Amino acid sequence: MKVNVLIMAGGRGERLKAFFKEKPLIKLHGKPMIQYVIEALMKTKDVGKIIVVTSKHTPKTKNMVKHFKVEVLEASGDDYVTDVQYAVRKLRLKGPVMVVSADLPLLNPTILDKVIDYFKSCGKPALSVMVPYKLREKLGLSSNLTLKIQDNLLVPAGINILKGEMINAEEIEEEKMVLNMEELAVNVNTINDLMVAEKILSRKSASQKPCSGKA
């Protein structure tokens, strides 16, 4: 079963607006942040259609993503949840729909495969991915929303899956998936978040370079 994906890229990005006009287009290692998300999803085995949800706040993002094999839908950009609901209804999406924030530049196909597999086996109609608050604290990241679940402090990672046909339900039973992974802990909302993401990307890039020493 393929999972259709909504990449949410229509927010105002107010905490970064003084420095960048459109958050999804902030460059990390010379590449727009949303491009990392798109490329990770394109390499994920069970992903079906990829739809980038933009708004009047992100017109340049809308034009940029047209160069990829994705669909584009413009929503109001007034509220994240409202935009998700609008997209699912407008596109009449059925079955599992993954919702991913455009500000997760460290995502990779291995993580996304793990999330999709977990959703398929959990038996619930919705899944929310969480990271431990302690991990974000360790990385020097602040958290606007912290949830206490079974004595554990958790922070939403910006990845959810739900069954599209249940979008109009008042309440949806939800499974929580906790992953202690720095790639999920870093969603870029502030300049400090951006610096942390740059640092991790630099470290990963250096570790992947082949050794050039003589035999």
C-alpha atoms as a PDB file:
ATOM      1  CA  MET A   1       0.000   0.000   0.000  1.00  0.00           C
ATOM      2  CA  LYS A   2       1.430   3.383  -1.047  1.00  0.00           C
ATOM      3  CA  VAL A   3       1.269   6.354   1.299  1.00  0.00           C
ATOM      4  CA  ASN A   4       0.474   9.751  -0.190  1.00  0.00           C
ATOM      5  CA  VAL A   5       2.383  12.651   1.356  1.00  0.00           C
ATOM      6  CA  LEU A   6       1.582  16.277   2.108  1.00  0.00           C
ATOM      7  CA  ILE A   7       4.640  18.500   2.606  1.00  0.00           C
ATOM      8  CA  MET A   8       3.425  21.515   4.550  1.00  0.00           C
ATOM      9  CA  ALA A   9       5.179  24.583   3.169  1.00  0.00           C
ATOM     10  CA  GLY A  10       2.685  27.420   3.521  1.00  0.00           C
ATOM     11  CA  GLY A  11       3.376  28.864   6.969  1.00  0.00           C
ATOM     12  CA  ARG A  12       4.486  32.419   7.669  1.00  0.00           C
ATOM     13  CA  GLY A  13       7.755  31.362   9.332  1.00  0.00           C
ATOM     14  CA  GLU A  14       7.495  34.399  11.573  1.00  0.00           C
ATOM     15  CA  ARG A  15      10.485  33.616  13.813  1.00  0.00           C
ATOM     16  CA  LEU A  16      12.778  33.610  10.777  1.00  0.00           C
ATOM     17  CA  LYS A  17      11.014  36.226   8.678  1.00  0.00           C
ATOM     18  CA  ALA A  18      13.439  39.002   9.675  1.00  0.00           C
ATOM     19  CA  PHE A  19      16.240  36.999   8.029  1.00  0.00           C
ATOM     20  CA  PHE A  20      14.507  34.977   5.287  1.00  0.00           C
ATOM     21  CA  LYS A  21      11.331  35.698   3.338  1.00  0.00           C
ATOM     22  CA  GLU A  22      10.283  32.057   2.845  1.00  0.00           C
ATOM     23  CA  LYS A  23      11.397  29.409   5.329  1.00  0.00           C
ATOM     24  CA  PRO A  24      11.223  26.391   2.955  1.00  0.00           C
ATOM     25  CA  LEU A  25      13.792  28.088   0.707  1.00  0.00           C
ATOM     26  CA  ILE A  26      16.413  28.659   3.416  1.00  0.00           C
ATOM     27  CA  LYS A  27      19.611  27.123   2.079  1.00  0.00           C
ATOM     28  CA  LEU A  28      21.647  24.530   3.938  1.00  0.00           C
ATOM     29  CA  HIS A  29      24.899  23.549   2.241  1.00  0.00           C
ATOM     30  CA  GLY A  30      23.714  25.407  -0.847  1.00  0.00           C
ATOM     31  CA  LYS A  31      20.386  23.566  -1.143  1.00  0.00           C
ATOM     32  CA  PRO A  32      16.882  24.784  -0.180  1.00  0.00           C
ATOM     33  CA  MET A  33      15.620  23.122   2.990  1.00  0.00           C
ATOM     34  CA  ILE A  34      12.467  21.754   1.349  1.00  0.00           C
ATOM     35  CA  GLN A  35      14.589  20.024  -1.314  1.00  0.00           C
ATOM     36  CA  TYR A  36      16.090  17.749   1.355  1.00  0.00           C
ATOM     37  CA  VAL A  37      12.566  16.732   2.381  1.00  0.00           C
ATOM     38  CA  ILE A  38      11.399  16.111  -1.190  1.00  0.00           C
ATOM     39  CA  GLU A  39      14.461  14.048  -2.087  1.00  0.00           C
ATOM     40  CA  ALA A  40      14.179  11.916   1.063  1.00  0.00           C
ATOM     41  CA  LEU A  41      10.527  11.164   0.265  1.00  0.00           C
ATOM     42  CA  MET A  42      11.295  10.349  -3.373  1.00  0.00           C
ATOM     43  CA  LYS A  43      13.726   7.663  -2.195  1.00  0.00           C
ATOM     44  CA  THR A  44      11.244   6.123   0.270  1.00  0.00           C
ATOM     45  CA  LYS A  45       9.848   2.847  -1.069  1.00  0.00           C
ATOM     46  CA  ASP A  46       6.180   3.065  -0.009  1.00  0.00           C
ATOM     47  CA  VAL A  47       5.568   6.724  -0.870  1.00  0.00           C
ATOM     48  CA  GLY A  48       2.968   7.434  -3.536  1.00  0.00           C
ATOM     49  CA  LYS A  49       2.029  10.960  -4.593  1.00  0.00           C
ATOM     50  CA  ILE A  50       3.947  13.858  -3.062  1.00  0.00           C
ATOM     51  CA  ILE A  51       1.945  17.069  -2.732  1.00  0.00           C
ATOM     52  CA  VAL A  52       3.563  20.309  -1.591  1.00  0.00           C
ATOM     53  CA  VAL A  53       1.014  22.524   0.176  1.00  0.00           C
ATOM     54  CA  THR A  54       1.950  26.181  -0.254  1.00  0.00           C
ATOM     55  CA  SER A  55       0.091  29.440   0.371  1.00  0.00           C
ATOM     56  CA  LYS A  56       0.114  33.155  -0.393  1.00  0.00           C
ATOM     57  CA  HIS A  57       2.999  33.407   2.094  1.00  0.00           C
ATOM     58  CA  THR A  58       5.263  31.130   0.012  1.00  0.00           C
ATOM     59  CA  PRO A  59       4.895  32.012  -3.708  1.00  0.00           C
ATOM     60  CA  LYS A  60       8.595  31.462  -4.488  1.00  0.00           C
ATOM     61  CA  THR A  61       8.432  28.032  -2.868  1.00  0.00           C
ATOM     62  CA  LYS A  62       5.491  27.203  -5.109  1.00  0.00           C
ATOM     63  CA  ASN A  63       7.529  28.084  -8.213  1.00  0.00           C
ATOM     64  CA  MET A  64      10.678  26.311  -7.004  1.00  0.00           C
ATOM     65  CA  VAL A  65       9.091  22.916  -6.270  1.00  0.00           C
ATOM     66  CA  LYS A  66       7.541  22.750  -9.727  1.00  0.00           C
ATOM     67  CA  HIS A  67      10.961  21.577 -10.936  1.00  0.00           C
ATOM     68  CA  PHE A  68      10.433  18.297  -9.058  1.00  0.00           C
ATOM     69  CA  LYS A  69       7.999  15.469  -9.743  1.00  0.00           C
ATOM     70  CA  VAL A  70       5.502  16.684  -7.153  1.00  0.00           C
ATOM     71  CA  GLU A  71       2.018  18.129  -7.162  1.00  0.00           C
ATOM     72  CA  VAL A  72       1.409  21.595  -5.739  1.00  0.00           C
ATOM     73  CA  LEU A  73      -1.684  22.799  -3.922  1.00  0.00           C
ATOM     74  CA  GLU A  74      -2.206  26.301  -2.562  1.00  0.00           C
ATOM     75  CA  ALA A  75      -4.009  26.603   0.781  1.00  0.00           C
ATOM     76  CA  SER A  76      -4.744  29.615   2.988  1.00  0.00           C
ATOM     77  CA  GLY A  77      -1.565  29.391   5.069  1.00  0.00           C
ATOM     78  CA  ASP A  78      -3.454  30.712   8.086  1.00  0.00           C
ATOM     79  CA  ASP A  79      -3.224  27.564  10.194  1.00  0.00           C
ATOM     80  CA  TYR A  80      -1.274  24.287   9.860  1.00  0.00           C
ATOM     81  CA  VAL A  81      -4.139  21.973  10.823  1.00  0.00           C
ATOM     82  CA  THR A  82      -6.642  23.862   8.670  1.00  0.00           C
ATOM     83  CA  ASP A  83      -4.311  23.573   5.674  1.00  0.00           C
ATOM     84  CA  VAL A  84      -3.921  19.817   6.228  1.00  0.00           C
ATOM     85  CA  GLN A  85      -7.684  19.356   6.402  1.00  0.00           C
ATOM     86  CA  TYR A  86      -8.207  21.493   3.303  1.00  0.00           C
ATOM     87  CA  ALA A  87      -5.624  19.512   1.299  1.00  0.00           C
ATOM     88  CA  VAL A  88      -7.028  16.095   2.246  1.00  0.00           C
ATOM     89  CA  ARG A  89     -10.585  17.186   1.404  1.00  0.00           C
ATOM     90  CA  LYS A  90      -9.692  19.060  -1.788  1.00  0.00           C
ATOM     91  CA  LEU A  91      -7.639  16.179  -3.166  1.00  0.00           C
ATOM     92  CA  ARG A  92     -10.055  13.558  -1.813  1.00  0.00           C
ATOM     93  CA  LEU A  93      -7.196  11.577  -0.359  1.00  0.00           C
ATOM     94  CA  LYS A  94      -8.076   8.132   0.976  1.00  0.00           C
ATOM     95  CA  GLY A  95      -5.996   5.600   2.857  1.00  0.00           C
ATOM     96  CA  PRO A  96      -2.852   6.591   4.773  1.00  0.00           C
ATOM     97  CA  VAL A  97      -1.697  10.161   4.290  1.00  0.00           C
ATOM     98  CA  MET A  98       1.657  11.248   5.699  1.00  0.00           C
ATOM     99  CA  VAL A  99       1.957  14.887   6.726  1.00  0.00           C
ATOM    100  CA  VAL A 100       5.529  16.217   6.856  1.00  0.00           C
ATOM    101  CA  SER A 101       6.777  19.693   7.751  1.00  0.00           C
ATOM    102  CA  ALA A 102       9.019  21.346   5.178  1.00  0.00           C
ATOM    103  CA  ASP A 103      11.489  22.339   7.914  1.00  0.00           C
ATOM    104  CA  LEU A 104      12.994  18.867   8.537  1.00  0.00           C
ATOM    105  CA  PRO A 105      16.180  18.969   6.411  1.00  0.00           C
ATOM    106  CA  LEU A 106      17.806  15.960   8.100  1.00  0.00           C
ATOM    107  CA  LEU A 107      15.111  13.473   7.095  1.00  0.00           C
ATOM    108  CA  ASN A 108      16.216  10.338   5.270  1.00  0.00           C
ATOM    109  CA  PRO A 109      14.447   7.351   3.639  1.00  0.00           C
ATOM    110  CA  THR A 110      15.460   4.949   6.434  1.00  0.00           C
ATOM    111  CA  ILE A 111      13.566   7.010   9.013  1.00  0.00           C
ATOM    112  CA  LEU A 112      10.557   7.453   6.748  1.00  0.00           C
ATOM    113  CA  ASP A 113      10.421   3.710   5.978  1.00  0.00           C
ATOM    114  CA  LYS A 114      10.492   3.005   9.707  1.00  0.00           C
ATOM    115  CA  VAL A 115       7.608   5.398  10.367  1.00  0.00           C
ATOM    116  CA  ILE A 116       5.454   3.973   7.566  1.00  0.00           C
ATOM    117  CA  ASP A 117       6.116   0.379   8.652  1.00  0.00           C
ATOM    118  CA  TYR A 118       5.205   1.242  12.237  1.00  0.00           C
ATOM    119  CA  PHE A 119       1.929   2.842  11.139  1.00  0.00           C
ATOM    120  CA  LYS A 120       0.994  -0.216   9.099  1.00  0.00           C
ATOM    121  CA  SER A 121       1.538  -2.496  12.094  1.00  0.00           C
ATOM    122  CA  CYS A 122       0.130  -0.358  14.931  1.00  0.00           C
ATOM    123  CA  GLY A 123      -3.517  -0.948  14.044  1.00  0.00           C
ATOM    124  CA  LYS A 124      -4.626   2.638  14.733  1.00  0.00           C
ATOM    125  CA  PRO A 125      -5.959   5.175  12.208  1.00  0.00           C
ATOM    126  CA  ALA A 126      -3.415   7.867  13.107  1.00  0.00           C
ATOM    127  CA  LEU A 127       0.223   8.092  14.132  1.00  0.00           C
ATOM    128  CA  SER A 128       2.226  10.971  15.580  1.00  0.00           C
ATOM    129  CA  VAL A 129       6.029  10.855  15.654  1.00  0.00           C
ATOM    130  CA  MET A 130       7.684  12.230  18.788  1.00  0.00           C
ATOM    131  CA  VAL A 131      11.230  12.838  19.987  1.00  0.00           C
ATOM    132  CA  PRO A 132      12.363  12.981  23.631  1.00  0.00           C
ATOM    133  CA  TYR A 133      12.596  16.487  25.060  1.00  0.00           C
ATOM    134  CA  LYS A 134      15.987  15.545  26.530  1.00  0.00           C
ATOM    135  CA  LEU A 135      17.371  15.003  23.026  1.00  0.00           C
ATOM    136  CA  ARG A 136      16.320  18.468  21.894  1.00  0.00           C
ATOM    137  CA  GLU A 137      17.750  19.901  25.097  1.00  0.00           C
ATOM    138  CA  LYS A 138      21.039  18.057  24.471  1.00  0.00           C
ATOM    139  CA  LEU A 139      21.243  19.528  20.960  1.00  0.00           C
ATOM    140  CA  GLY A 140      20.597  23.020  22.318  1.00  0.00           C
ATOM    141  CA  LEU A 141      17.139  23.331  20.767  1.00  0.00           C
ATOM    142  CA  SER A 142      14.164  25.075  22.352  1.00  0.00           C
ATOM    143  CA  SER A 143      10.669  23.552  22.279  1.00  0.00           C
ATOM    144  CA  ASN A 144       7.397  25.464  21.998  1.00  0.00           C
ATOM    145  CA  LEU A 145       5.231  22.401  22.582  1.00  0.00           C
ATOM    146  CA  THR A 146       6.153  19.730  25.111  1.00  0.00           C
ATOM    147  CA  LEU A 147       3.843  16.838  26.000  1.00  0.00           C
ATOM    148  CA  LYS A 148       4.025  14.653  29.087  1.00  0.00           C
ATOM    149  CA  ILE A 149       3.078  11.093  28.178  1.00  0.00           C
ATOM    150  CA  GLN A 150       3.510   8.310  30.733  1.00  0.00           C
ATOM    151  CA  ASP A 151       6.009  10.440  32.713  1.00  0.00           C
ATOM    152  CA  ASN A 152       8.062  11.113  29.569  1.00  0.00           C
ATOM    153  CA  LEU A 153       8.517  14.613  28.158  1.00  0.00           C
ATOM    154  CA  LEU A 154       8.082  14.437  24.382  1.00  0.00           C
ATOM    155  CA  VAL A 155       8.112  16.925  21.516  1.00  0.00           C
ATOM    156  CA  PRO A 156       6.216  16.459  18.202  1.00  0.00           C
ATOM    157  CA  ALA A 157       8.662  15.817  15.355  1.00  0.00           C
ATOM    158  CA  GLY A 158       6.546  17.264  12.548  1.00  0.00           C
ATOM    159  CA  ILE A 159       5.550  13.918  10.994  1.00  0.00           C
ATOM    160  CA  ASN A 160       2.060  12.431  11.222  1.00  0.00           C
ATOM    161  CA  ILE A 161       0.091   9.772   9.366  1.00  0.00           C
ATOM    162  CA  LEU A 162      -3.681   9.510   9.290  1.00  0.00           C
ATOM    163  CA  LYS A 163      -6.319   7.792   7.224  1.00  0.00           C
ATOM    164  CA  GLY A 164      -7.646  10.370   4.789  1.00  0.00           C
ATOM    165  CA  GLU A 165     -11.245   9.176   5.018  1.00  0.00           C
ATOM    166  CA  MET A 166     -11.283  10.110   8.731  1.00  0.00           C
ATOM    167  CA  ILE A 167     -10.337  13.760   8.201  1.00  0.00           C
ATOM    168  CA  ASN A 168     -13.805  14.958   9.248  1.00  0.00           C
ATOM    169  CA  ALA A 169     -13.880  12.970  12.500  1.00  0.00           C
ATOM    170  CA  GLU A 170     -13.938  15.030  15.693  1.00  0.00           C
ATOM    171  CA  GLU A 171     -11.455  12.694  17.365  1.00  0.00           C
ATOM    172  CA  ILE A 172      -9.082  10.123  15.872  1.00  0.00           C
ATOM    173  CA  GLU A 173      -7.421   7.431  17.963  1.00  0.00           C
ATOM    174  CA  GLU A 174      -3.702   8.078  17.683  1.00  0.00           C
ATOM    175  CA  GLU A 175      -0.571   6.034  18.257  1.00  0.00           C
ATOM    176  CA  LYS A 176       2.579   7.779  19.497  1.00  0.00           C
ATOM    177  CA  MET A 177       5.905   6.681  17.995  1.00  0.00           C
ATOM    178  CA  VAL A 178       8.955   7.862  19.929  1.00  0.00           C
ATOM    179  CA  LEU A 179      12.256   7.994  18.057  1.00  0.00           C
ATOM    180  CA  ASN A 180      15.425   9.159  19.787  1.00  0.00           C
ATOM    181  CA  MET A 181      17.062  10.429  16.584  1.00  0.00           C
ATOM    182  CA  GLU A 182      18.697  13.803  16.024  1.00  0.00           C
ATOM    183  CA  GLU A 183      17.533  13.814  12.394  1.00  0.00           C
ATOM    184  CA  LEU A 184      13.963  14.127  13.696  1.00  0.00           C
ATOM    185  CA  ALA A 185      14.756  16.443  16.585  1.00  0.00           C
ATOM    186  CA  VAL A 186      15.904  19.290  14.345  1.00  0.00           C
ATOM    187  CA  ASN A 187      13.064  21.218  12.764  1.00  0.00           C
ATOM    188  CA  VAL A 188      14.178  24.679  11.749  1.00  0.00           C
ATOM    189  CA  ASN A 189      12.168  27.455  13.398  1.00  0.00           C
ATOM    190  CA  THR A 190      14.904  29.766  14.696  1.00  0.00           C
ATOM    191  CA  ILE A 191      18.409  30.886  13.734  1.00  0.00           C
ATOM    192  CA  ASN A 192      19.774  28.586  16.439  1.00  0.00           C
ATOM    193  CA  ASP A 193      17.902  25.622  14.915  1.00  0.00           C
ATOM    194  CA  LEU A 194      19.436  26.514  11.565  1.00  0.00           C
ATOM    195  CA  MET A 195      22.937  26.562  13.059  1.00  0.00           C
ATOM    196  CA  VAL A 196      22.385  23.134  14.671  1.00  0.00           C
ATOM    197  CA  ALA A 197      21.139  21.707  11.360  1.00  0.00           C
ATOM    198  CA  GLU A 198      24.188  23.124   9.538  1.00  0.00           C
ATOM    199  CA  LYS A 199      26.516  21.597  12.131  1.00  0.00           C
ATOM    200  CA  ILE A 200      24.972  18.126  11.848  1.00  0.00           C
ATOM    201  CA  LEU A 201      24.911  18.241   8.040  1.00  0.00           C
ATOM    202  CA  SER A 202      28.576  19.285   8.002  1.00  0.00           C
ATOM    203  CA  ARG A 203      29.483  16.412  10.315  1.00  0.00           C
ATOM    204  CA  LYS A 204      27.564  13.866   8.230  1.00  0.00           C
ATOM    205  CA  SER A 205      29.045  15.204   5.004  1.00  0.00           C
ATOM    206  CA  ALA A 206      32.585  14.937   6.403  1.00  0.00           C
ATOM    207  CA  SER A 207      32.015  11.371   7.610  1.00  0.00           C
ATOM    208  CA  GLN A 208      30.840  10.284   4.161  1.00  0.00           C
ATOM    209  CA  LYS A 209      33.911  11.591   2.309  1.00  0.00           C
ATOM    210  CA  PRO A 210      36.307   8.815   1.211  1.00  0.00           C
ATOM    211  CA  CYS A 211      39.732   8.682   2.807  1.00  0.00           C
ATOM    212  CA  SER A 212      42.490   9.935   0.506  1.00  0.00           C
ATOM    213  CA  GLY A 213      45.560   8.644   2.322  1.00  0.00           C
ATOM    214  CA  LYS A 214      48.225   6.675   0.475  1.00  0.00           C
ATOM    215  CA  ALA A 215      48.476   2.904   0.938  1.00  0.00           C
END
